[in-house]
Amino acid sequence: MANRKTSRGQQIDIDGIALANETTVAVGNMRVNARGDQLDSKGNIVKTKTEQAQAYYQSNPKAAVKTVSIKDAVDVSATKQMEQTPVAQKPKATKQSKPKAKEQPKMKEVELPNGDIELVEDTDE
């Protein structure tokens, strides 16, 4: 990842720190290092994380992930037949003019004696 800034403005490379300390014994009672490898009482690697995962998936075959396609099965004979048939040409579109907008009558605002405003068709042309 990228470098991060602390609240004091210092740059810290978290990934670099993690890589540099992979073999350091992790805090806790599991006896593992930062990578997840099992360790003995002296800190030597007994079983790596990869070996642990492989052993788990060998003993639990139903836990293994299958790669499947979400696409429907393809009929090969239909595909070949479609490739052999000529493609029909689309008719070219003719240029159509835009419909003309209806002319709206000119309106004017008229103030009524009670203070309301009403729109009235302008006939002063």
C-alpha atoms as a PDB file:
ATOM      1  CA  MET A   1       0.000   0.000   0.000  1.00  0.00           C
ATOM      2  CA  ALA A   2       1.030   3.586   0.425  1.00  0.00           C
ATOM      3  CA  ASN A   3       2.769   5.478   3.137  1.00  0.00           C
ATOM      4  CA  ARG A   4       0.528   6.789   5.892  1.00  0.00           C
ATOM      5  CA  LYS A   5       0.797   9.966   7.942  1.00  0.00           C
ATOM      6  CA  THR A   6       0.530   9.995  11.709  1.00  0.00           C
ATOM      7  CA  SER A   7      -1.337  12.661  13.645  1.00  0.00           C
ATOM      8  CA  ARG A   8       2.029  14.391  14.117  1.00  0.00           C
ATOM      9  CA  GLY A   9       2.706  14.400  10.366  1.00  0.00           C
ATOM     10  CA  GLN A  10       5.362  11.666  10.234  1.00  0.00           C
ATOM     11  CA  GLN A  11       5.369   9.221   7.291  1.00  0.00           C
ATOM     12  CA  ILE A  12       5.016   5.512   8.171  1.00  0.00           C
ATOM     13  CA  ASP A  13       5.278   2.603   5.739  1.00  0.00           C
ATOM     14  CA  ILE A  14       2.995   0.016   7.380  1.00  0.00           C
ATOM     15  CA  ASP A  15       3.628  -2.649   4.697  1.00  0.00           C
ATOM     16  CA  GLY A  16       7.374  -2.295   5.090  1.00  0.00           C
ATOM     17  CA  ILE A  17       7.108  -2.718   8.840  1.00  0.00           C
ATOM     18  CA  ALA A  18       4.913  -5.825   8.431  1.00  0.00           C
ATOM     19  CA  LEU A  19       7.350  -7.385   5.936  1.00  0.00           C
ATOM     20  CA  ALA A  20      10.345  -6.638   8.124  1.00  0.00           C
ATOM     21  CA  ASN A  21       8.707  -8.303  11.153  1.00  0.00           C
ATOM     22  CA  GLU A  22       7.150 -11.408   9.534  1.00  0.00           C
ATOM     23  CA  THR A  23       9.233 -13.794  11.596  1.00  0.00           C
ATOM     24  CA  THR A  24       8.644 -12.008  14.911  1.00  0.00           C
ATOM     25  CA  VAL A  25       6.614 -13.986  17.434  1.00  0.00           C
ATOM     26  CA  ALA A  26       3.073 -12.619  17.655  1.00  0.00           C
ATOM     27  CA  VAL A  27       1.586 -11.488  20.950  1.00  0.00           C
ATOM     28  CA  GLY A  28      -0.836 -14.024  22.443  1.00  0.00           C
ATOM     29  CA  ASN A  29      -0.995 -17.655  23.473  1.00  0.00           C
ATOM     30  CA  MET A  30      -1.206 -19.311  20.026  1.00  0.00           C
ATOM     31  CA  ARG A  31       2.559 -19.622  19.426  1.00  0.00           C
ATOM     32  CA  VAL A  32       2.561 -18.191  15.909  1.00  0.00           C
ATOM     33  CA  ASN A  33       4.618 -15.572  14.130  1.00  0.00           C
ATOM     34  CA  ALA A  34       3.246 -12.541  12.274  1.00  0.00           C
ATOM     35  CA  ARG A  35       2.807 -14.630   9.089  1.00  0.00           C
ATOM     36  CA  GLY A  36       0.696 -17.239  10.918  1.00  0.00           C
ATOM     37  CA  ASP A  37       3.275 -20.056  10.953  1.00  0.00           C
ATOM     38  CA  GLN A  38       3.097 -22.437  13.940  1.00  0.00           C
ATOM     39  CA  LEU A  39       6.097 -22.177  16.277  1.00  0.00           C
ATOM     40  CA  ASP A  40       7.568 -24.465  18.925  1.00  0.00           C
ATOM     41  CA  SER A  41       8.561 -23.321  22.411  1.00  0.00           C
ATOM     42  CA  LYS A  42      11.964 -22.092  21.137  1.00  0.00           C
ATOM     43  CA  GLY A  43      10.432 -19.996  18.314  1.00  0.00           C
ATOM     44  CA  ASN A  44      11.321 -22.354  15.431  1.00  0.00           C
ATOM     45  CA  ILE A  45       8.784 -22.848  12.644  1.00  0.00           C
ATOM     46  CA  VAL A  46       6.994 -26.214  12.982  1.00  0.00           C
ATOM     47  CA  LYS A  47       4.369 -25.810  10.249  1.00  0.00           C
ATOM     48  CA  THR A  48       4.005 -22.956   7.761  1.00  0.00           C
ATOM     49  CA  LYS A  49       0.655 -21.292   7.093  1.00  0.00           C
ATOM     50  CA  THR A  50       0.581 -22.814   3.580  1.00  0.00           C
ATOM     51  CA  GLU A  51       1.127 -26.325   4.946  1.00  0.00           C
ATOM     52  CA  GLN A  52      -1.675 -25.788   7.474  1.00  0.00           C
ATOM     53  CA  ALA A  53      -4.102 -24.667   4.759  1.00  0.00           C
ATOM     54  CA  GLN A  54      -3.199 -27.602   2.466  1.00  0.00           C
ATOM     55  CA  ALA A  55      -3.688 -30.097   5.301  1.00  0.00           C
ATOM     56  CA  TYR A  56      -7.079 -28.579   6.127  1.00  0.00           C
ATOM     57  CA  TYR A  57      -8.374 -28.768   2.554  1.00  0.00           C
ATOM     58  CA  GLN A  58      -7.103 -32.353   2.130  1.00  0.00           C
ATOM     59  CA  SER A  59      -8.943 -33.493   5.257  1.00  0.00           C
ATOM     60  CA  ASN A  60     -12.114 -31.480   4.430  1.00  0.00           C
ATOM     61  CA  PRO A  61     -12.842 -31.898   0.697  1.00  0.00           C
ATOM     62  CA  LYS A  62     -16.256 -30.231   1.002  1.00  0.00           C
ATOM     63  CA  ALA A  63     -14.568 -27.040   2.203  1.00  0.00           C
ATOM     64  CA  ALA A  64     -12.608 -26.722  -1.051  1.00  0.00           C
ATOM     65  CA  VAL A  65     -13.715 -23.969  -3.385  1.00  0.00           C
ATOM     66  CA  LYS A  66     -14.981 -25.037  -6.805  1.00  0.00           C
ATOM     67  CA  THR A  67     -14.573 -22.902  -9.870  1.00  0.00           C
ATOM     68  CA  VAL A  68     -17.811 -22.961 -11.848  1.00  0.00           C
ATOM     69  CA  SER A  69     -19.131 -20.943 -14.729  1.00  0.00           C
ATOM     70  CA  ILE A  70     -22.224 -18.828 -14.223  1.00  0.00           C
ATOM     71  CA  LYS A  71     -22.898 -18.857 -17.961  1.00  0.00           C
ATOM     72  CA  ASP A  72     -25.323 -21.311 -19.520  1.00  0.00           C
ATOM     73  CA  ALA A  73     -23.968 -24.306 -21.391  1.00  0.00           C
ATOM     74  CA  VAL A  74     -23.264 -23.461 -25.037  1.00  0.00           C
ATOM     75  CA  ASP A  75     -24.675 -25.674 -27.804  1.00  0.00           C
ATOM     76  CA  VAL A  76     -21.760 -26.027 -30.247  1.00  0.00           C
ATOM     77  CA  SER A  77     -23.888 -27.174 -33.207  1.00  0.00           C
ATOM     78  CA  ALA A  78     -26.204 -24.161 -32.877  1.00  0.00           C
ATOM     79  CA  THR A  79     -23.213 -21.849 -32.722  1.00  0.00           C
ATOM     80  CA  LYS A  80     -21.726 -23.297 -35.907  1.00  0.00           C
ATOM     81  CA  GLN A  81     -25.087 -23.004 -37.652  1.00  0.00           C
ATOM     82  CA  MET A  82     -25.373 -19.353 -36.621  1.00  0.00           C
ATOM     83  CA  GLU A  83     -21.884 -18.652 -37.962  1.00  0.00           C
ATOM     84  CA  GLN A  84     -22.803 -20.082 -41.362  1.00  0.00           C
ATOM     85  CA  THR A  85     -26.028 -18.086 -41.852  1.00  0.00           C
ATOM     86  CA  PRO A  86     -25.563 -14.616 -43.389  1.00  0.00           C
ATOM     87  CA  VAL A  87     -26.354 -11.628 -41.243  1.00  0.00           C
ATOM     88  CA  ALA A  88     -29.353  -9.597 -42.379  1.00  0.00           C
ATOM     89  CA  GLN A  89     -28.617  -5.957 -43.127  1.00  0.00           C
ATOM     90  CA  LYS A  90     -30.478  -3.364 -41.123  1.00  0.00           C
ATOM     91  CA  PRO A  91     -32.470  -0.857 -43.167  1.00  0.00           C
ATOM     92  CA  LYS A  92     -30.931   2.582 -43.071  1.00  0.00           C
ATOM     93  CA  ALA A  93     -32.829   5.130 -41.064  1.00  0.00           C
ATOM     94  CA  THR A  94     -34.278   8.045 -42.991  1.00  0.00           C
ATOM     95  CA  LYS A  95     -33.792  11.535 -41.727  1.00  0.00           C
ATOM     96  CA  GLN A  96     -36.964  12.847 -40.173  1.00  0.00           C
ATOM     97  CA  SER A  97     -37.600  16.446 -39.361  1.00  0.00           C
ATOM     98  CA  LYS A  98     -38.413  17.364 -35.828  1.00  0.00           C
ATOM     99  CA  PRO A  99     -42.069  18.047 -35.164  1.00  0.00           C
ATOM    100  CA  LYS A 100     -42.746  21.743 -34.945  1.00  0.00           C
ATOM    101  CA  ALA A 101     -43.718  23.060 -31.572  1.00  0.00           C
ATOM    102  CA  LYS A 102     -47.192  24.514 -31.377  1.00  0.00           C
ATOM    103  CA  GLU A 103     -47.132  28.236 -30.986  1.00  0.00           C
ATOM    104  CA  GLN A 104     -48.522  29.246 -27.670  1.00  0.00           C
ATOM    105  CA  PRO A 105     -50.532  32.434 -27.500  1.00  0.00           C
ATOM    106  CA  LYS A 106     -48.796  35.383 -25.896  1.00  0.00           C
ATOM    107  CA  MET A 107     -49.918  35.948 -22.359  1.00  0.00           C
ATOM    108  CA  LYS A 108     -49.842  38.960 -20.091  1.00  0.00           C
ATOM    109  CA  GLU A 109     -50.271  39.375 -16.377  1.00  0.00           C
ATOM    110  CA  VAL A 110     -53.238  41.374 -15.154  1.00  0.00           C
ATOM    111  CA  GLU A 111     -53.622  42.462 -11.549  1.00  0.00           C
ATOM    112  CA  LEU A 112     -57.123  42.104 -10.167  1.00  0.00           C
ATOM    113  CA  PRO A 113     -58.608  44.574  -7.662  1.00  0.00           C
ATOM    114  CA  ASN A 114     -58.125  42.132  -4.757  1.00  0.00           C
ATOM    115  CA  GLY A 115     -54.353  41.909  -5.458  1.00  0.00           C
ATOM    116  CA  ASP A 116     -54.351  38.550  -7.287  1.00  0.00           C
ATOM    117  CA  ILE A 117     -52.464  38.189 -10.571  1.00  0.00           C
ATOM    118  CA  GLU A 118     -54.110  36.406 -13.497  1.00  0.00           C
ATOM    119  CA  LEU A 119     -52.651  35.391 -16.864  1.00  0.00           C
ATOM    120  CA  VAL A 120     -54.757  36.628 -19.776  1.00  0.00           C
ATOM    121  CA  GLU A 121     -54.202  36.108 -23.520  1.00  0.00           C
ATOM    122  CA  ASP A 122     -52.620  39.176 -25.074  1.00  0.00           C
ATOM    123  CA  THR A 123     -54.846  40.497 -27.879  1.00  0.00           C
ATOM    124  CA  ASP A 124     -53.053  43.820 -28.493  1.00  0.00           C
ATOM    125  CA  GLU A 125     -51.241  42.678 -31.643  1.00  0.00           C
END
